[in-house]
Amino acid sequence: MNRAWILVVVAAYPLLALAQTSSSGSSGTSVPYQPAVPAPTTVNASGGWPGYTGASTAAGSAMNGMASVISAKGDYNLSTSAAAINMTQAQKQEIQNRQQWTNTYFDMRATNRASRAAERSPRPTMEQLVRMAHDGAPKPLGSSQMDPVSGRLNWPSALQQAGFDSQREQLEQLFTTRAKYGGLNYADQLAVRQTVDAMFGELKTQIRDIPPQDYVACRNFLASVTYAASKSELE
């Protein structure tokens, strides 16, 4: 019986060694993770212990068989424990990787926002915003552009081409009505906007053929025509 207990202790020794290694790593400084690998069995190829070639009696053979069973059970328990440790460590590493990826992603976004803010020009002041809105608003038609009595329009030269004849005639009639009654109703204002939009479209097709300053003058004139159609002479 004493020999059987010795065999049990020897077979359980690898488990005790693995537990001591795990506890020492967790209590001290951080140690790089090494996968848990079961230690090789202490039973030799012939089924006996190192230095022992076999039993000479039936009792000895029985003891050797018992030792092999105990050793196999110990190896199984050690392998199961090592697999659990490896799985736990793999899950921990995955969580750390996900956390690092998340931190990196938000760090990159913060860097991008800071870089864009550094390159962005200062925000305009309220005075600058008011001036830009005023400069961008359509200008009323002056007396050199529209006769306030008859409503006759003085068209820029680029808009006096034959391709704009029908639109010019329609707008002339509408502005004659405006001069007569002091304003246009909603349907006539809509007709002005639609006609001006058609002229804008035709003007864009000729952008390569019209000098830039003439093109800008035509656009400004048409914008002022739309603006004037929405205003009443009584305002």
Protein backbone atom coordinates (compact mmCIF):
# COMPACT_ATOMS: atom_id res chain seq x y z
CA MET A 1 0.00 0.00 0.00
CA ASN A 2 2.86 2.40 0.71
CA ARG A 3 4.08 1.91 -2.85
CA ALA A 4 0.61 2.69 -4.22
CA TRP A 5 0.50 5.99 -2.33
CA ILE A 6 3.93 6.88 -3.65
CA LEU A 7 2.68 6.28 -7.19
CA VAL A 8 -0.35 8.51 -6.56
CA VAL A 9 1.83 11.35 -5.26
CA VAL A 10 4.24 11.08 -8.19
CA ALA A 11 1.36 11.12 -10.72
CA ALA A 12 -0.22 14.22 -9.12
CA TYR A 13 3.07 16.15 -8.99
CA PRO A 14 2.62 17.83 -12.45
CA LEU A 15 -0.72 19.31 -11.33
CA LEU A 16 0.86 20.79 -8.20
CA ALA A 17 3.71 22.25 -10.25
CA LEU A 18 1.26 23.91 -12.71
CA ALA A 19 -0.72 25.46 -9.83
CA GLN A 20 2.43 26.85 -8.24
CA THR A 21 3.54 28.36 -11.56
CA SER A 22 0.15 30.06 -12.09
CA SER A 23 0.06 31.49 -8.57
CA SER A 24 3.58 32.88 -8.76
CA GLY A 25 2.86 34.61 -12.08
CA SER A 26 -0.34 36.24 -10.80
CA SER A 27 1.13 37.49 -7.51
CA GLY A 28 4.31 39.02 -8.94
CA THR A 29 4.99 41.35 -11.79
CA SER A 30 3.31 40.96 -15.18
CA VAL A 31 4.72 37.98 -17.06
CA PRO A 32 4.18 37.44 -20.80
CA TYR A 33 1.63 34.75 -21.37
CA GLN A 34 2.90 31.29 -22.27
CA PRO A 35 0.40 28.67 -23.40
CA ALA A 36 -0.20 25.98 -20.79
CA VAL A 37 1.21 22.69 -22.06
CA PRO A 38 0.91 19.45 -20.05
CA ALA A 39 4.20 17.95 -18.92
CA PRO A 40 5.13 14.61 -20.49
CA THR A 41 4.08 11.48 -18.63
CA THR A 42 6.55 9.96 -16.19
CA VAL A 43 5.78 6.43 -17.34
CA ASN A 44 8.34 4.96 -19.77
CA ALA A 45 7.57 3.19 -23.05
CA SER A 46 7.49 -0.25 -21.38
CA GLY A 47 4.74 0.79 -18.98
CA GLY A 48 6.96 1.25 -15.94
CA TRP A 49 8.69 4.12 -14.19
CA PRO A 50 12.08 5.43 -15.31
CA GLY A 51 14.80 2.99 -14.41
CA TYR A 52 12.31 0.19 -13.91
CA THR A 53 12.12 -2.44 -16.65
CA GLY A 54 9.07 -4.33 -15.49
CA ALA A 55 7.59 -6.44 -12.70
CA SER A 56 8.81 -9.91 -11.91
CA THR A 57 5.64 -11.03 -10.10
CA ALA A 58 1.91 -10.90 -10.67
CA ALA A 59 1.55 -8.38 -7.83
CA GLY A 60 4.21 -6.21 -9.40
CA SER A 61 2.42 -6.29 -12.74
CA ALA A 62 -0.81 -5.30 -11.04
CA MET A 63 0.91 -2.38 -9.37
CA ASN A 64 2.39 -1.30 -12.71
CA GLY A 65 -1.07 -1.39 -14.30
CA MET A 66 -2.51 0.64 -11.44
CA ALA A 67 0.30 3.18 -11.83
CA SER A 68 -0.42 3.49 -15.57
CA VAL A 69 -4.12 4.10 -14.90
CA ILE A 70 -3.32 6.74 -12.28
CA SER A 71 -0.79 8.40 -14.59
CA ALA A 72 -3.26 8.46 -17.50
CA LYS A 73 -5.94 10.02 -15.32
CA GLY A 74 -3.49 12.63 -14.10
CA ASP A 75 -2.45 13.45 -17.67
CA TYR A 76 -6.11 13.82 -18.65
CA ASN A 77 -6.84 16.17 -15.74
CA LEU A 78 -3.72 18.19 -16.55
CA SER A 79 -4.65 18.46 -20.23
CA THR A 80 -8.20 19.56 -19.35
CA SER A 81 -6.89 22.19 -16.96
CA ALA A 82 -4.37 23.44 -19.54
CA ALA A 83 -7.14 23.71 -22.17
CA ALA A 84 -9.30 25.76 -19.79
CA ILE A 85 -6.37 28.09 -19.05
CA ASN A 86 -5.61 28.53 -22.74
CA MET A 87 -9.27 29.29 -23.55
CA THR A 88 -9.52 31.84 -20.73
CA GLN A 89 -6.32 33.53 -21.83
CA ALA A 90 -7.54 33.63 -25.46
CA GLN A 91 -10.80 35.30 -24.40
CA LYS A 92 -8.87 37.84 -22.33
CA GLN A 93 -6.59 38.62 -25.28
CA GLU A 94 -9.60 39.10 -27.59
CA ILE A 95 -11.15 41.60 -25.16
CA GLN A 96 -7.86 43.50 -24.96
CA ASN A 97 -7.58 43.57 -28.75
CA ARG A 98 -11.11 44.90 -29.11
CA GLN A 99 -10.44 47.57 -26.48
CA GLN A 100 -7.24 48.61 -28.24
CA TRP A 101 -9.02 48.79 -31.61
CA THR A 102 -11.79 50.95 -30.13
CA ASN A 103 -9.31 53.32 -28.47
CA THR A 104 -7.30 53.61 -31.69
CA TYR A 105 -10.43 54.36 -33.71
CA PHE A 106 -11.56 57.21 -31.46
CA ASP A 107 -8.01 58.56 -31.19
CA MET A 108 -7.84 58.74 -34.99
CA ARG A 109 -11.19 60.56 -35.12
CA ALA A 110 -10.04 63.07 -32.51
CA THR A 111 -6.82 63.66 -34.45
CA ASN A 112 -8.78 64.16 -37.67
CA ARG A 113 -11.13 66.69 -36.03
CA ALA A 114 -8.21 68.59 -34.51
CA SER A 115 -6.42 68.70 -37.87
CA ARG A 116 -9.51 69.97 -39.69
CA ALA A 117 -10.14 72.60 -37.03
CA ALA A 118 -6.53 73.80 -37.35
CA GLU A 119 -6.83 74.11 -41.13
CA ARG A 120 -10.25 75.75 -41.04
CA SER A 121 -10.27 79.49 -41.47
CA PRO A 122 -11.72 81.64 -38.64
CA ARG A 123 -15.48 81.92 -38.55
CA PRO A 124 -16.84 85.13 -40.05
CA THR A 125 -18.13 87.77 -37.70
CA MET A 126 -21.76 88.88 -37.64
CA GLU A 127 -20.81 92.04 -39.52
CA GLN A 128 -19.14 89.98 -42.25
CA LEU A 129 -22.16 87.67 -42.51
CA VAL A 130 -24.50 90.64 -42.91
CA ARG A 131 -22.28 92.16 -45.59
CA MET A 132 -22.03 88.86 -47.50
CA ALA A 133 -25.82 88.42 -47.36
CA HIS A 134 -26.30 91.97 -48.61
CA ASP A 135 -23.77 91.51 -51.41
CA GLY A 136 -25.35 88.21 -52.46
CA ALA A 137 -28.92 89.50 -52.52
CA PRO A 138 -30.39 90.42 -55.94
CA LYS A 139 -30.24 94.13 -56.74
CA PRO A 140 -33.34 96.06 -57.88
CA LEU A 141 -33.47 97.04 -61.53
CA GLY A 142 -32.18 100.58 -62.04
CA SER A 143 -33.74 103.17 -64.31
CA SER A 144 -31.14 102.35 -66.97
CA GLN A 145 -32.32 98.71 -66.92
CA MET A 146 -36.10 99.22 -66.72
CA ASP A 147 -38.30 102.18 -67.62
CA PRO A 148 -40.38 102.72 -64.45
CA VAL A 149 -43.27 104.22 -66.47
CA SER A 150 -43.65 101.76 -69.35
CA GLY A 151 -41.94 98.76 -67.77
CA ARG A 152 -39.74 98.32 -70.82
CA LEU A 153 -36.57 96.31 -70.09
CA ASN A 154 -33.14 97.28 -71.41
CA TRP A 155 -31.59 93.87 -72.07
CA PRO A 156 -27.84 93.12 -71.99
CA SER A 157 -26.40 92.49 -75.44
CA ALA A 158 -25.87 88.76 -74.85
CA LEU A 159 -29.59 88.33 -74.03
CA GLN A 160 -30.64 90.15 -77.23
CA GLN A 161 -29.74 87.13 -79.37
CA ALA A 162 -32.43 85.44 -81.44
CA GLY A 163 -32.44 82.39 -79.15
CA PHE A 164 -33.96 84.51 -76.37
CA ASP A 165 -36.65 86.26 -78.48
CA SER A 166 -39.67 84.36 -77.14
CA GLN A 167 -38.60 84.69 -73.49
CA ARG A 168 -37.87 88.41 -73.88
CA GLU A 169 -41.29 89.03 -75.46
CA GLN A 170 -43.08 87.21 -72.65
CA LEU A 171 -41.21 89.11 -69.95
CA GLU A 172 -41.80 92.44 -71.69
CA GLN A 173 -45.56 91.81 -71.64
CA LEU A 174 -45.48 90.85 -67.95
CA PHE A 175 -43.49 93.93 -66.96
CA THR A 176 -45.85 96.16 -69.00
CA THR A 177 -48.66 94.74 -66.85
CA ARG A 178 -46.57 95.38 -63.72
CA ALA A 179 -46.02 99.03 -64.68
CA LYS A 180 -49.73 99.48 -65.43
CA TYR A 181 -51.08 97.94 -62.20
CA GLY A 182 -48.12 98.57 -59.89
CA GLY A 183 -47.38 94.88 -59.38
CA LEU A 184 -47.95 91.30 -60.51
CA ASN A 185 -50.23 88.64 -59.08
CA TYR A 186 -48.86 85.29 -57.94
CA ALA A 187 -49.51 83.54 -61.29
CA ASP A 188 -47.65 86.25 -63.20
CA GLN A 189 -44.75 86.17 -60.72
CA LEU A 190 -44.53 82.40 -61.21
CA ALA A 191 -44.51 82.90 -64.99
CA VAL A 192 -41.61 85.37 -64.64
CA ARG A 193 -39.58 82.88 -62.56
CA GLN A 194 -40.20 80.06 -65.03
CA THR A 195 -39.23 82.22 -68.02
CA VAL A 196 -36.09 83.49 -66.28
CA ASP A 197 -35.13 79.90 -65.40
CA ALA A 198 -35.44 78.96 -69.08
CA MET A 199 -33.18 81.88 -70.00
CA PHE A 200 -30.67 80.81 -67.37
CA GLY A 201 -30.59 77.33 -68.89
CA GLU A 202 -30.02 78.67 -72.39
CA LEU A 203 -27.34 81.03 -71.08
CA LYS A 204 -25.41 78.13 -69.52
CA THR A 205 -25.18 76.39 -72.89
CA GLN A 206 -23.35 79.46 -74.25
CA ILE A 207 -20.95 79.91 -71.35
CA ARG A 208 -17.93 79.08 -73.55
CA ASP A 209 -18.93 81.57 -76.20
CA ILE A 210 -19.82 84.55 -73.99
CA PRO A 211 -17.07 86.64 -72.33
CA PRO A 212 -17.00 86.10 -68.54
CA GLN A 213 -17.93 89.70 -67.68
CA ASP A 214 -20.92 89.59 -70.06
CA TYR A 215 -22.04 86.23 -68.64
CA VAL A 216 -21.95 87.62 -65.08
CA ALA A 217 -23.84 90.75 -66.18
CA CYS A 218 -26.57 88.61 -67.76
CA ARG A 219 -26.95 86.47 -64.66
CA ASN A 220 -27.19 89.52 -62.43
CA PHE A 221 -29.74 91.13 -64.74
CA LEU A 222 -31.97 88.04 -64.78
CA ALA A 223 -31.73 87.75 -60.97
CA SER A 224 -32.83 91.40 -60.69
CA VAL A 225 -35.74 90.73 -63.08
CA THR A 226 -36.98 87.93 -60.80
CA TYR A 227 -36.54 90.15 -57.75
CA ALA A 228 -38.43 93.05 -59.40
CA ALA A 229 -41.33 90.75 -60.36
CA SER A 230 -41.92 89.87 -56.71
CA LYS A 231 -41.95 93.51 -55.59
CA SER A 232 -44.74 96.02 -55.93
CA GLU A 233 -44.29 99.65 -56.90
CA LEU A 234 -46.27 100.50 -53.75
CA GLU A 235 -43.70 98.94 -51.42
